[in-house]
């Protein structure tokens, strides 16, 4: 199976910065798109940003110009650099990976999720 582990969350003042990391491990054949989602209290989970294996990135309108997604394919890791953070960015952030995994004899497509990390922005 594929395991995703997020790191880099925490408490920061408005206007500050954080960098989230997510490393994938397991019997991975390949990883296609990777992305970050977030869920604030009382709200639905929403896409923050995603990035293709070729490096094409997409962002939610609310974070454009402030967040940057990147990936290191050799390390199976995706990053989210967040600057100019606002209190409304407060949420649990989840890592996602669209992967092909192996059981030793064949491969299967899997949509994988990390457990989430808390980001809290104080005013």
N, C-alpha and C. Protein backbone atom coordinates (compact mmCIF):
# COMPACT_ATOMS: atom_id res chain seq x y z
N UNK A 1 0.83 -1.20 0.00
CA UNK A 1 0.00 0.00 0.00
C UNK A 1 0.87 1.25 0.00
N UNK A 2 0.26 2.37 -0.34
CA UNK A 2 0.94 3.65 -0.34
C UNK A 2 0.59 4.40 0.93
N UNK A 3 1.61 4.99 1.55
CA UNK A 3 1.42 5.80 2.75
C UNK A 3 1.88 7.22 2.46
N UNK A 4 1.07 8.18 2.86
CA UNK A 4 1.40 9.59 2.73
C UNK A 4 1.55 10.18 4.12
N UNK A 5 2.61 10.93 4.34
CA UNK A 5 2.86 11.55 5.63
C UNK A 5 3.12 13.03 5.42
N UNK A 6 2.28 13.87 6.02
CA UNK A 6 2.42 15.32 5.92
C UNK A 6 3.23 15.85 7.10
N UNK A 7 3.91 16.97 6.87
CA UNK A 7 4.64 17.64 7.93
C UNK A 7 4.71 19.13 7.62
N UNK A 8 5.06 19.92 8.62
CA UNK A 8 5.26 21.35 8.42
C UNK A 8 4.13 22.24 8.89
N UNK A 9 3.06 21.67 9.42
CA UNK A 9 1.97 22.48 9.91
C UNK A 9 2.31 23.12 11.24
N UNK A 10 1.38 23.94 11.73
CA UNK A 10 1.59 24.59 13.01
C UNK A 10 0.81 25.88 13.13
N UNK A 11 1.21 26.67 14.11
CA UNK A 11 0.58 27.94 14.41
C UNK A 11 1.46 29.08 13.92
N UNK A 12 0.86 30.02 13.21
CA UNK A 12 1.61 31.15 12.68
C UNK A 12 0.73 32.39 12.73
N UNK A 13 1.35 33.55 12.86
CA UNK A 13 0.61 34.80 12.85
C UNK A 13 0.21 35.18 11.43
N UNK A 14 -0.86 35.96 11.31
CA UNK A 14 -1.27 36.47 10.00
C UNK A 14 -0.10 37.19 9.34
N UNK A 15 0.07 36.92 8.05
CA UNK A 15 1.18 37.49 7.32
C UNK A 15 2.42 36.62 7.30
N UNK A 16 2.42 35.56 8.09
CA UNK A 16 3.55 34.66 8.17
C UNK A 16 3.55 33.61 7.09
N UNK A 17 4.51 32.69 7.19
CA UNK A 17 4.70 31.67 6.17
C UNK A 17 4.86 30.29 6.80
N UNK A 18 4.47 29.28 6.05
CA UNK A 18 4.69 27.89 6.40
C UNK A 18 4.97 27.11 5.13
N UNK A 19 5.72 26.02 5.27
CA UNK A 19 5.97 25.13 4.15
C UNK A 19 5.55 23.72 4.54
N UNK A 20 4.56 23.18 3.84
CA UNK A 20 4.10 21.83 4.08
C UNK A 20 4.82 20.86 3.15
N UNK A 21 5.09 19.67 3.67
CA UNK A 21 5.70 18.61 2.88
C UNK A 21 4.87 17.35 3.01
N UNK A 22 4.87 16.54 1.97
CA UNK A 22 4.17 15.26 1.99
C UNK A 22 5.00 14.25 1.22
N UNK A 23 5.42 13.20 1.91
CA UNK A 23 6.23 12.15 1.30
C UNK A 23 5.41 10.88 1.14
N UNK A 24 5.46 10.30 -0.04
CA UNK A 24 4.77 9.05 -0.33
C UNK A 24 5.75 7.89 -0.28
N UNK A 25 5.30 6.78 0.28
CA UNK A 25 6.14 5.59 0.35
C UNK A 25 5.28 4.35 0.14
N UNK A 26 5.93 3.24 -0.17
CA UNK A 26 5.24 2.00 -0.42
C UNK A 26 5.62 1.40 -1.75
N UNK A 27 4.81 0.47 -2.22
CA UNK A 27 5.07 -0.22 -3.48
C UNK A 27 4.55 0.62 -4.64
N UNK A 28 5.23 1.70 -4.90
CA UNK A 28 4.79 2.67 -5.90
C UNK A 28 5.43 2.39 -7.24
N UNK A 29 4.60 2.26 -8.25
CA UNK A 29 5.09 2.15 -9.62
C UNK A 29 5.30 3.54 -10.20
N UNK A 30 4.32 4.40 -10.01
CA UNK A 30 4.41 5.78 -10.48
C UNK A 30 3.38 6.61 -9.74
N UNK A 31 3.59 7.92 -9.74
CA UNK A 31 2.63 8.87 -9.19
C UNK A 31 2.30 9.88 -10.27
N UNK A 32 1.02 10.03 -10.53
CA UNK A 32 0.59 11.01 -11.52
C UNK A 32 0.42 12.37 -10.83
N UNK A 33 -0.80 12.83 -10.66
CA UNK A 33 -1.00 14.11 -9.99
C UNK A 33 -0.84 13.97 -8.47
N UNK A 34 -0.37 15.04 -7.83
CA UNK A 34 -0.34 15.16 -6.39
C UNK A 34 -0.99 16.50 -6.03
N UNK A 35 -1.57 16.57 -4.85
CA UNK A 35 -2.23 17.81 -4.50
C UNK A 35 -2.44 18.00 -3.02
N UNK A 36 -2.91 19.20 -2.69
CA UNK A 36 -3.24 19.57 -1.32
C UNK A 36 -4.70 20.00 -1.26
N UNK A 37 -5.41 19.50 -0.27
CA UNK A 37 -6.77 19.88 0.02
C UNK A 37 -6.81 20.41 1.45
N UNK A 38 -7.87 21.13 1.79
CA UNK A 38 -8.02 21.59 3.16
C UNK A 38 -9.49 21.58 3.55
N UNK A 39 -9.72 21.47 4.85
CA UNK A 39 -11.07 21.49 5.37
C UNK A 39 -11.08 22.32 6.66
N UNK A 40 -11.84 23.39 6.63
CA UNK A 40 -12.03 24.24 7.79
C UNK A 40 -13.28 23.80 8.54
N UNK A 41 -13.38 24.13 9.84
CA UNK A 41 -14.57 23.75 10.61
C UNK A 41 -15.86 24.24 9.96
N UNK A 42 -16.82 23.35 9.81
CA UNK A 42 -18.10 23.71 9.24
C UNK A 42 -18.13 23.85 7.74
N UNK A 43 -17.02 23.55 7.07
CA UNK A 43 -16.96 23.68 5.62
C UNK A 43 -16.56 22.37 4.97
N UNK A 44 -16.85 22.25 3.67
CA UNK A 44 -16.47 21.08 2.91
C UNK A 44 -14.99 21.10 2.58
N UNK A 45 -14.44 19.92 2.34
CA UNK A 45 -13.05 19.84 1.90
C UNK A 45 -12.93 20.45 0.51
N UNK A 46 -11.90 21.26 0.31
CA UNK A 46 -11.71 21.93 -0.95
C UNK A 46 -10.30 21.74 -1.47
N UNK A 47 -10.17 21.77 -2.78
CA UNK A 47 -8.85 21.71 -3.40
C UNK A 47 -8.12 23.02 -3.19
N UNK A 48 -6.88 22.93 -2.72
CA UNK A 48 -6.02 24.09 -2.58
C UNK A 48 -5.14 24.24 -3.81
N UNK A 49 -4.45 23.17 -4.17
CA UNK A 49 -3.57 23.17 -5.33
C UNK A 49 -3.25 21.75 -5.72
N UNK A 50 -3.00 21.52 -6.99
CA UNK A 50 -2.50 20.23 -7.42
C UNK A 50 -1.46 20.44 -8.51
N UNK A 51 -0.71 19.38 -8.79
CA UNK A 51 0.38 19.47 -9.74
C UNK A 51 0.52 18.14 -10.47
N UNK A 52 0.67 18.20 -11.77
CA UNK A 52 0.81 17.00 -12.58
C UNK A 52 2.24 16.47 -12.50
N UNK A 53 2.43 15.27 -13.01
CA UNK A 53 3.77 14.70 -13.02
C UNK A 53 4.72 15.54 -13.87
N UNK A 54 4.18 16.27 -14.84
CA UNK A 54 4.98 17.14 -15.68
C UNK A 54 5.21 18.53 -15.12
N UNK A 55 4.59 18.84 -13.97
CA UNK A 55 4.83 20.12 -13.32
C UNK A 55 3.78 21.19 -13.54
N UNK A 56 2.67 20.86 -14.19
CA UNK A 56 1.60 21.83 -14.38
C UNK A 56 0.79 21.97 -13.10
N UNK A 57 0.67 23.19 -12.60
CA UNK A 57 0.02 23.44 -11.32
C UNK A 57 -1.30 24.17 -11.49
N UNK A 58 -2.24 23.89 -10.60
CA UNK A 58 -3.52 24.58 -10.53
C UNK A 58 -3.75 25.02 -9.09
N UNK A 59 -4.41 26.16 -8.92
CA UNK A 59 -4.64 26.72 -7.59
C UNK A 59 -6.07 27.18 -7.42
N UNK A 60 -6.56 27.06 -6.19
CA UNK A 60 -7.83 27.69 -5.86
C UNK A 60 -7.67 29.21 -5.94
N UNK A 61 -8.74 29.89 -6.33
CA UNK A 61 -8.67 31.34 -6.45
C UNK A 61 -8.25 32.01 -5.14
N UNK A 62 -8.63 31.45 -4.03
CA UNK A 62 -8.37 32.05 -2.73
C UNK A 62 -6.89 32.04 -2.34
N UNK A 63 -6.08 31.21 -3.01
CA UNK A 63 -4.67 31.12 -2.65
C UNK A 63 -3.73 31.54 -3.77
N UNK A 64 -4.26 31.87 -4.92
CA UNK A 64 -3.41 32.29 -6.04
C UNK A 64 -2.58 33.50 -5.66
N UNK A 65 -1.31 33.43 -5.99
CA UNK A 65 -0.39 34.51 -5.67
C UNK A 65 0.24 34.41 -4.30
N UNK A 66 -0.26 33.51 -3.46
CA UNK A 66 0.26 33.35 -2.10
C UNK A 66 0.86 31.97 -1.86
N UNK A 67 0.30 30.95 -2.48
CA UNK A 67 0.77 29.58 -2.28
C UNK A 67 1.46 29.08 -3.54
N UNK A 68 2.47 28.24 -3.36
CA UNK A 68 3.17 27.62 -4.47
C UNK A 68 3.32 26.13 -4.22
N UNK A 69 2.85 25.33 -5.16
CA UNK A 69 3.00 23.88 -5.05
C UNK A 69 4.18 23.44 -5.92
N UNK A 70 4.92 22.47 -5.43
CA UNK A 70 6.04 21.92 -6.18
C UNK A 70 6.20 20.45 -5.80
N UNK A 71 7.01 19.73 -6.55
CA UNK A 71 7.21 18.31 -6.25
C UNK A 71 8.62 17.89 -6.62
N UNK A 72 9.07 16.85 -5.95
CA UNK A 72 10.35 16.21 -6.23
C UNK A 72 10.02 14.77 -6.58
N UNK A 73 10.01 14.45 -7.85
CA UNK A 73 9.59 13.13 -8.30
C UNK A 73 10.54 12.03 -7.80
N UNK A 74 11.82 12.34 -7.69
CA UNK A 74 12.78 11.35 -7.22
C UNK A 74 12.52 10.96 -5.77
N UNK A 75 11.95 11.88 -4.98
CA UNK A 75 11.66 11.62 -3.58
C UNK A 75 10.19 11.31 -3.32
N UNK A 76 9.38 11.30 -4.37
CA UNK A 76 7.93 11.09 -4.22
C UNK A 76 7.34 12.05 -3.19
N UNK A 77 7.73 13.30 -3.28
CA UNK A 77 7.35 14.30 -2.30
C UNK A 77 6.74 15.52 -2.98
N UNK A 78 5.70 16.05 -2.37
CA UNK A 78 5.06 17.27 -2.83
C UNK A 78 5.13 18.31 -1.71
N UNK A 79 5.27 19.57 -2.09
CA UNK A 79 5.41 20.66 -1.14
C UNK A 79 4.35 21.72 -1.38
N UNK A 80 4.03 22.47 -0.35
CA UNK A 80 3.16 23.62 -0.47
C UNK A 80 3.78 24.76 0.32
N UNK A 81 4.34 25.73 -0.39
CA UNK A 81 4.89 26.92 0.24
C UNK A 81 3.78 27.95 0.38
N UNK A 82 3.51 28.36 1.59
CA UNK A 82 2.43 29.29 1.88
C UNK A 82 3.01 30.56 2.47
N UNK A 83 2.71 31.70 1.85
CA UNK A 83 3.14 32.99 2.35
C UNK A 83 1.92 33.88 2.52
N UNK A 84 2.11 35.00 3.22
CA UNK A 84 1.03 35.96 3.47
C UNK A 84 -0.22 35.26 3.98
N UNK A 85 -0.03 34.41 4.96
CA UNK A 85 -1.14 33.61 5.48
C UNK A 85 -2.19 34.49 6.15
N UNK A 86 -3.44 34.07 6.00
CA UNK A 86 -4.58 34.78 6.55
C UNK A 86 -5.32 33.87 7.52
N UNK A 87 -6.06 34.44 8.47
CA UNK A 87 -6.84 33.60 9.38
C UNK A 87 -7.77 32.64 8.65
N UNK A 88 -8.30 33.02 7.50
CA UNK A 88 -9.19 32.15 6.76
C UNK A 88 -8.48 30.96 6.12
N UNK A 89 -7.15 30.93 6.17
CA UNK A 89 -6.40 29.77 5.73
C UNK A 89 -6.37 28.67 6.78
N UNK A 90 -6.84 28.96 7.97
CA UNK A 90 -6.86 27.98 9.05
C UNK A 90 -7.71 26.77 8.66
N UNK A 91 -7.11 25.60 8.71
CA UNK A 91 -7.79 24.37 8.30
C UNK A 91 -6.87 23.19 8.55
N UNK A 92 -7.42 21.99 8.40
CA UNK A 92 -6.61 20.79 8.31
C UNK A 92 -6.27 20.60 6.84
N UNK A 93 -5.00 20.45 6.54
CA UNK A 93 -4.53 20.29 5.18
C UNK A 93 -4.19 18.83 4.92
N UNK A 94 -4.71 18.30 3.80
CA UNK A 94 -4.54 16.90 3.45
C UNK A 94 -3.76 16.76 2.15
N UNK A 95 -2.85 15.82 2.14
CA UNK A 95 -2.08 15.48 0.94
C UNK A 95 -2.80 14.39 0.16
N UNK A 96 -2.77 14.49 -1.16
CA UNK A 96 -3.40 13.51 -2.03
C UNK A 96 -2.44 13.10 -3.14
N UNK A 97 -2.49 11.83 -3.52
CA UNK A 97 -1.67 11.34 -4.62
C UNK A 97 -2.45 10.36 -5.46
N UNK A 98 -2.39 10.53 -6.76
CA UNK A 98 -2.97 9.60 -7.73
C UNK A 98 -1.82 8.70 -8.17
N UNK A 99 -1.84 7.46 -7.69
CA UNK A 99 -0.69 6.59 -7.87
C UNK A 99 -1.06 5.26 -8.52
N UNK A 100 -0.05 4.62 -9.08
CA UNK A 100 -0.13 3.24 -9.52
C UNK A 100 0.74 2.43 -8.55
N UNK A 101 0.14 1.41 -7.92
CA UNK A 101 0.85 0.62 -6.93
C UNK A 101 0.93 -0.83 -7.37
N UNK A 102 1.85 -1.58 -6.78
CA UNK A 102 2.08 -2.96 -7.16
C UNK A 102 1.90 -3.89 -5.96
N UNK A 103 1.38 -5.09 -6.24
CA UNK A 103 1.29 -6.14 -5.22
C UNK A 103 2.36 -7.20 -5.43
N UNK A 104 3.28 -6.92 -6.34
CA UNK A 104 4.36 -7.84 -6.65
C UNK A 104 4.20 -8.55 -7.98
N UNK A 105 2.97 -8.65 -8.46
CA UNK A 105 2.72 -9.33 -9.72
C UNK A 105 2.01 -8.47 -10.75
N UNK A 106 1.28 -7.46 -10.27
CA UNK A 106 0.57 -6.57 -11.17
C UNK A 106 0.47 -5.19 -10.51
N UNK A 107 -0.16 -4.25 -11.19
CA UNK A 107 -0.30 -2.90 -10.64
C UNK A 107 -1.76 -2.48 -10.62
N UNK A 108 -2.07 -1.52 -9.75
CA UNK A 108 -3.42 -1.03 -9.57
C UNK A 108 -3.40 0.48 -9.39
N UNK A 109 -4.41 1.17 -9.92
CA UNK A 109 -4.52 2.60 -9.64
C UNK A 109 -5.09 2.83 -8.24
N UNK A 110 -4.56 3.80 -7.54
CA UNK A 110 -5.01 4.13 -6.19
C UNK A 110 -5.02 5.63 -5.99
N UNK A 111 -6.08 6.11 -5.36
CA UNK A 111 -6.18 7.50 -4.95
C UNK A 111 -5.92 7.53 -3.45
N UNK A 112 -4.80 8.12 -3.04
CA UNK A 112 -4.30 8.01 -1.67
C UNK A 112 -4.37 9.34 -0.93
N UNK A 113 -4.60 9.25 0.38
CA UNK A 113 -4.72 10.43 1.23
C UNK A 113 -3.85 10.30 2.47
N UNK A 114 -3.28 11.41 2.89
CA UNK A 114 -2.58 11.46 4.16
C UNK A 114 -3.55 11.74 5.29
N UNK A 115 -3.08 11.66 6.54
CA UNK A 115 -3.96 11.88 7.71
C UNK A 115 -4.29 13.34 7.98
N UNK A 116 -3.56 14.26 7.38
CA UNK A 116 -3.82 15.68 7.56
C UNK A 116 -2.93 16.32 8.59
N UNK A 117 -2.68 17.62 8.41
CA UNK A 117 -1.92 18.42 9.36
C UNK A 117 -2.69 19.72 9.62
N UNK A 118 -2.63 20.19 10.86
CA UNK A 118 -3.33 21.41 11.23
C UNK A 118 -2.49 22.63 10.89
N UNK A 119 -3.11 23.60 10.24
CA UNK A 119 -2.53 24.91 10.03
C UNK A 119 -3.45 25.92 10.69
N UNK A 120 -2.92 26.68 11.63
CA UNK A 120 -3.70 27.69 12.33
C UNK A 120 -3.03 29.05 12.16
N UNK A 121 -3.79 30.01 11.67
CA UNK A 121 -3.28 31.36 11.45
C UNK A 121 -4.01 32.29 12.40
N UNK A 122 -3.28 32.91 13.29
CA UNK A 122 -3.87 33.81 14.27
C UNK A 122 -3.93 35.23 13.74
N UNK A 123 -4.89 36.00 14.24
CA UNK A 123 -5.04 37.40 13.84
C UNK A 123 -4.49 38.35 14.88
